C-alpha atoms as a PDB file:
ATOM      1  CA  UNK A   1      -0.204  -0.113   0.553  1.00  0.00           C
ATOM      2  CA  UNK A   2       1.273   3.647  -0.972  1.00  0.00           C
ATOM      3  CA  UNK A   3       1.342   6.824   1.145  1.00  0.00           C
ATOM      4  CA  UNK A   4      -1.221   7.909  -1.107  1.00  0.00           C
ATOM      5  CA  UNK A   5      -3.540   5.350  -0.146  1.00  0.00           C
ATOM      6  CA  UNK A   6      -2.778   5.350   3.579  1.00  0.00           C
ATOM      7  CA  UNK A   7      -3.785   9.031   3.494  1.00  0.00           C
ATOM      8  CA  UNK A   8      -6.825   8.711   2.071  1.00  0.00           C
ATOM      9  CA  UNK A   9      -8.246   5.508   4.148  1.00  0.00           C
ATOM     10  CA  UNK A  10      -6.969   7.591   7.158  1.00  0.00           C
ATOM     11  CA  UNK A  11      -8.819  10.850   6.079  1.00  0.00           C
ATOM     12  CA  UNK A  12     -11.951   8.651   5.369  1.00  0.00           C
ATOM     13  CA  UNK A  13     -11.966   6.982   8.915  1.00  0.00           C
ATOM     14  CA  UNK A  14     -11.271  10.118  11.131  1.00  0.00           C
ATOM     15  CA  UNK A  15     -13.916  11.852   9.263  1.00  0.00           C
ATOM     16  CA  UNK A  16     -16.340   8.801  10.638  1.00  0.00           C
ATOM     17  CA  UNK A  17     -15.550   9.988  13.884  1.00  0.00           C
ATOM     18  CA  UNK A  18     -18.268  12.746  15.456  1.00  0.00           C
ATOM     19  CA  UNK A  19     -15.711  13.914  17.863  1.00  0.00           C
ATOM     20  CA  UNK A  20     -13.102  14.728  15.396  1.00  0.00           C
ATOM     21  CA  UNK A  21     -15.577  16.304  12.929  1.00  0.00           C
ATOM     22  CA  UNK A  22     -16.357  18.843  16.170  1.00  0.00           C
ATOM     23  CA  UNK A  23     -13.012  19.303  16.883  1.00  0.00           C
ATOM     24  CA  UNK A  24     -11.756  19.953  13.123  1.00  0.00           C
ATOM     25  CA  UNK A  25      -8.780  17.262  13.377  1.00  0.00           C
ATOM     26  CA  UNK A  26      -7.129  16.368   9.937  1.00  0.00           C
ATOM     27  CA  UNK A  27      -4.456  14.498   7.982  1.00  0.00           C
ATOM     28  CA  UNK A  28      -1.338  16.150   8.164  1.00  0.00           C
ATOM     29  CA  UNK A  29       0.860  13.181   7.216  1.00  0.00           C
ATOM     30  CA  UNK A  30       0.383   9.840   6.651  1.00  0.00           C
ATOM     31  CA  UNK A  31       3.042   6.368   5.837  1.00  0.00           C
ATOM     32  CA  UNK A  32       3.884   3.375   6.567  1.00  0.00           C
ATOM     33  CA  UNK A  33       3.732   2.826  10.531  1.00  0.00           C
ATOM     34  CA  UNK A  34       3.101   7.039  10.762  1.00  0.00           C
ATOM     35  CA  UNK A  35       0.855   9.475  10.972  1.00  0.00           C
ATOM     36  CA  UNK A  36       0.811  13.206  12.141  1.00  0.00           C
ATOM     37  CA  UNK A  37      -2.931  14.584  12.945  1.00  0.00           C
ATOM     38  CA  UNK A  38      -3.642  18.175  13.158  1.00  0.00           C
ATOM     39  CA  UNK A  39      -5.957  19.984  15.769  1.00  0.00           C
ATOM     40  CA  UNK A  40      -6.344  23.429  14.933  1.00  0.00           C
ATOM     41  CA  UNK A  41      -6.738  26.240  17.702  1.00  0.00           C
ATOM     42  CA  UNK A  42     -10.361  27.447  17.883  1.00  0.00           C
ATOM     43  CA  UNK A  43     -12.512  29.219  20.832  1.00  0.00           C
ATOM     44  CA  UNK A  44     -14.417  25.981  21.405  1.00  0.00           C
ATOM     45  CA  UNK A  45     -11.410  23.822  22.960  1.00  0.00           C
ATOM     46  CA  UNK A  46     -10.141  26.511  25.035  1.00  0.00           C
ATOM     47  CA  UNK A  47     -10.278  24.856  28.335  1.00  0.00           C
ATOM     48  CA  UNK A  48      -9.488  28.415  30.870  1.00  0.00           C
ATOM     49  CA  UNK A  49     -11.261  31.495  29.168  1.00  0.00           C
ATOM     50  CA  UNK A  50      -8.748  33.574  31.147  1.00  0.00           C
ATOM     51  CA  UNK A  51      -5.490  31.878  29.919  1.00  0.00           C
ATOM     52  CA  UNK A  52      -6.799  30.690  26.402  1.00  0.00           C
ATOM     53  CA  UNK A  53      -5.190  27.457  27.344  1.00  0.00           C
ATOM     54  CA  UNK A  54      -6.379  24.387  25.069  1.00  0.00           C
ATOM     55  CA  UNK A  55      -8.509  21.885  27.148  1.00  0.00           C
ATOM     56  CA  UNK A  56      -6.836  18.623  28.287  1.00  0.00           C
ATOM     57  CA  UNK A  57      -9.453  16.767  26.784  1.00  0.00           C
ATOM     58  CA  UNK A  58      -9.294  17.961  23.180  1.00  0.00           C
ATOM     59  CA  UNK A  59      -5.275  17.265  23.414  1.00  0.00           C
ATOM     60  CA  UNK A  60      -6.474  13.542  24.901  1.00  0.00           C
ATOM     61  CA  UNK A  61      -8.677  12.909  21.974  1.00  0.00           C
ATOM     62  CA  UNK A  62      -6.211  14.124  19.165  1.00  0.00           C
ATOM     63  CA  UNK A  63      -3.955  11.660  20.359  1.00  0.00           C
ATOM     64  CA  UNK A  64      -6.135   8.864  20.816  1.00  0.00           C
ATOM     65  CA  UNK A  65      -7.512   9.316  17.399  1.00  0.00           C
ATOM     66  CA  UNK A  66      -4.108   9.284  16.000  1.00  0.00           C
ATOM     67  CA  UNK A  67      -3.165   6.412  18.050  1.00  0.00           C
ATOM     68  CA  UNK A  68      -5.744   4.431  17.174  1.00  0.00           C
ATOM     69  CA  UNK A  69      -5.534   5.428  13.201  1.00  0.00           C
ATOM     70  CA  UNK A  70      -1.939   4.945  12.759  1.00  0.00           C
ATOM     71  CA  UNK A  71      -2.818   1.608  12.783  1.00  0.00           C
ATOM     72  CA  UNK A  72      -4.281   1.942   9.446  1.00  0.00           C
ATOM     73  CA  UNK A  73      -0.854   2.564   8.321  1.00  0.00           C
ATOM     74  CA  UNK A  74       0.604  -0.351   9.243  1.00  0.00           C
ATOM     75  CA  UNK A  75      -1.601  -3.018   8.343  1.00  0.00           C
ATOM     76  CA  UNK A  76      -2.230  -3.706   4.697  1.00  0.00           C
ATOM     77  CA  UNK A  77      -5.801  -4.697   5.275  1.00  0.00           C
ATOM     78  CA  UNK A  78      -8.241  -2.135   7.214  1.00  0.00           C
ATOM     79  CA  UNK A  79      -9.832  -4.049  10.612  1.00  0.00           C
ATOM     80  CA  UNK A  80     -11.179  -2.454  13.447  1.00  0.00           C
ATOM     81  CA  UNK A  81      -8.992  -2.305  16.585  1.00  0.00           C
ATOM     82  CA  UNK A  82     -10.647  -1.639  19.760  1.00  0.00           C
ATOM     83  CA  UNK A  83      -8.255  -0.107  22.568  1.00  0.00           C
ATOM     84  CA  UNK A  84      -7.059  -2.185  25.250  1.00  0.00           C
ATOM     85  CA  UNK A  85      -4.925   0.536  27.460  1.00  0.00           C
ATOM     86  CA  UNK A  86      -4.181   4.386  26.485  1.00  0.00           C
ATOM     87  CA  UNK A  87      -1.585   6.373  28.796  1.00  0.00           C
ATOM     88  CA  UNK A  88      -1.331  10.055  28.323  1.00  0.00           C
ATOM     89  CA  UNK A  89       1.096  11.725  30.375  1.00  0.00           C
ATOM     90  CA  UNK A  90       1.005  15.791  29.889  1.00  0.00           C
ATOM     91  CA  UNK A  91       4.274  17.662  30.289  1.00  0.00           C
ATOM     92  CA  UNK A  92       2.823  21.407  29.706  1.00  0.00           C
ATOM     93  CA  UNK A  93       0.121  23.146  28.214  1.00  0.00           C
ATOM     94  CA  UNK A  94      -0.043  23.891  24.506  1.00  0.00           C
ATOM     95  CA  UNK A  95       0.562  27.649  23.857  1.00  0.00           C
ATOM     96  CA  UNK A  96      -3.196  29.518  22.745  1.00  0.00           C
ATOM     97  CA  UNK A  97      -3.719  30.691  19.128  1.00  0.00           C
ATOM     98  CA  UNK A  98      -1.526  27.712  17.926  1.00  0.00           C
ATOM     99  CA  UNK A  99      -2.209  24.138  16.492  1.00  0.00           C
ATOM    100  CA  UNK A 100      -1.283  21.304  18.571  1.00  0.00           C
ATOM    101  CA  UNK A 101       0.207  18.165  16.082  1.00  0.00           C
ATOM    102  CA  UNK A 102       0.129  14.532  17.565  1.00  0.00           C
ATOM    103  CA  UNK A 103       2.704  12.233  15.281  1.00  0.00           C
ATOM    104  CA  UNK A 104       1.925   8.487  15.985  1.00  0.00           C
ATOM    105  CA  UNK A 105       3.724   5.272  15.396  1.00  0.00           C
ATOM    106  CA  UNK A 106       3.061   1.811  15.402  1.00  0.00           C
ATOM    107  CA  UNK A 107       6.315   0.121  17.063  1.00  0.00           C
ATOM    108  CA  UNK A 108       4.885  -3.633  17.395  1.00  0.00           C
ATOM    109  CA  UNK A 109       2.165  -5.565  15.703  1.00  0.00           C
ATOM    110  CA  UNK A 110       1.538  -9.130  16.574  1.00  0.00           C
ATOM    111  CA  UNK A 111      -1.103 -11.259  15.745  1.00  0.00           C
ATOM    112  CA  UNK A 112      -3.256 -10.192  18.262  1.00  0.00           C
ATOM    113  CA  UNK A 113      -1.941  -6.942  19.627  1.00  0.00           C
ATOM    114  CA  UNK A 114      -0.978  -3.765  18.292  1.00  0.00           C
ATOM    115  CA  UNK A 115       1.288  -0.956  20.014  1.00  0.00           C
ATOM    116  CA  UNK A 116       1.729   2.488  19.311  1.00  0.00           C
ATOM    117  CA  UNK A 117       3.084   5.626  20.897  1.00  0.00           C
ATOM    118  CA  UNK A 118       2.380   9.373  20.188  1.00  0.00           C
ATOM    119  CA  UNK A 119       3.859  12.721  21.125  1.00  0.00           C
ATOM    120  CA  UNK A 120       1.675  15.855  21.022  1.00  0.00           C
ATOM    121  CA  UNK A 121       3.813  19.017  20.332  1.00  0.00           C
ATOM    122  CA  UNK A 122       3.411  22.248  18.541  1.00  0.00           C
ATOM    123  CA  UNK A 123       5.532  23.369  15.629  1.00  0.00           C
ATOM    124  CA  UNK A 124       6.895  27.107  17.118  1.00  0.00           C
ATOM    125  CA  UNK A 125       8.053  25.692  20.222  1.00  0.00           C
ATOM    126  CA  UNK A 126       9.428  22.678  19.620  1.00  0.00           C
ATOM    127  CA  UNK A 127       8.390  21.320  23.184  1.00  0.00           C
ATOM    128  CA  UNK A 128       6.352  18.316  24.027  1.00  0.00           C
ATOM    129  CA  UNK A 129       3.117  18.843  24.952  1.00  0.00           C
ATOM    130  CA  UNK A 130       2.170  15.244  25.939  1.00  0.00           C
ATOM    131  CA  UNK A 131       3.032  11.797  25.519  1.00  0.00           C
ATOM    132  CA  UNK A 132       0.751   8.814  24.896  1.00  0.00           C
ATOM    133  CA  UNK A 133       1.329   4.837  24.376  1.00  0.00           C
ATOM    134  CA  UNK A 134      -1.016   2.767  23.818  1.00  0.00           C
ATOM    135  CA  UNK A 135      -2.515  -0.640  22.506  1.00  0.00           C
ATOM    136  CA  UNK A 136      -5.444  -2.240  20.656  1.00  0.00           C
ATOM    137  CA  UNK A 137      -6.770  -5.540  20.342  1.00  0.00           C
ATOM    138  CA  UNK A 138      -6.756  -7.173  16.692  1.00  0.00           C
ATOM    139  CA  UNK A 139     -10.347  -8.297  15.961  1.00  0.00           C
ATOM    140  CA  UNK A 140      -9.135  -9.258  12.376  1.00  0.00           C
ATOM    141  CA  UNK A 141     -10.450  -8.532   8.853  1.00  0.00           C
ATOM    142  CA  UNK A 142     -13.328 -10.938   8.842  1.00  0.00           C
ATOM    143  CA  UNK A 143     -15.138  -9.644  12.203  1.00  0.00           C
ATOM    144  CA  UNK A 144     -15.035  -5.730  10.814  1.00  0.00           C
ATOM    145  CA  UNK A 145     -18.278  -5.049   8.825  1.00  0.00           C
ATOM    146  CA  UNK A 146     -17.798  -5.122   4.829  1.00  0.00           C
ATOM    147  CA  UNK A 147     -19.873  -1.970   4.755  1.00  0.00           C
ATOM    148  CA  UNK A 148     -17.453   0.026   6.694  1.00  0.00           C
ATOM    149  CA  UNK A 149     -14.624  -1.548   5.152  1.00  0.00           C
ATOM    150  CA  UNK A 150     -15.627  -0.595   2.392  1.00  0.00           C
ATOM    151  CA  UNK A 151     -16.343   3.077   3.114  1.00  0.00           C
ATOM    152  CA  UNK A 152     -12.551   3.087   4.683  1.00  0.00           C
ATOM    153  CA  UNK A 153     -10.588   1.464   1.758  1.00  0.00           C
ATOM    154  CA  UNK A 154     -12.667   3.467  -0.924  1.00  0.00           C
ATOM    155  CA  UNK A 155     -14.024  -0.103  -2.050  1.00  0.00           C
ATOM    156  CA  UNK A 156     -10.653  -0.908  -3.018  1.00  0.00           C
ATOM    157  CA  UNK A 157      -9.076  -4.014  -0.956  1.00  0.00           C
END
């Protein structure tokens, strides 16, 4: 599978998620075992009106989405992989008025489990906002509903 197919599949997948649509998260980069998602800054994700700092829940959603979606970049066939465990460590608040990016990678794929890690950061500051590690259970291509699989793959398998 080439990077263009990965990008398209991740894009179709994340846009089936209502929370992603509400936050305006989009795909910045997709390649084998690697994904970058972008959360644009907006008034609706402010956690503290005085400081205008982004709410941690929006950053967690970004990282959870990136961690789960990078699996699409690791597997030839699309399959749903439910989250088994997700841990986020916050290092510092995100700066106001700037997008947050989440860079995720799969670092181990087994027959039953996929392991990912993710970093949230802002381009201009170069500092990590949060780190995340997660595990996902593989349920297999056959257990993924065919209509949903076709939606994500664009009917091309």
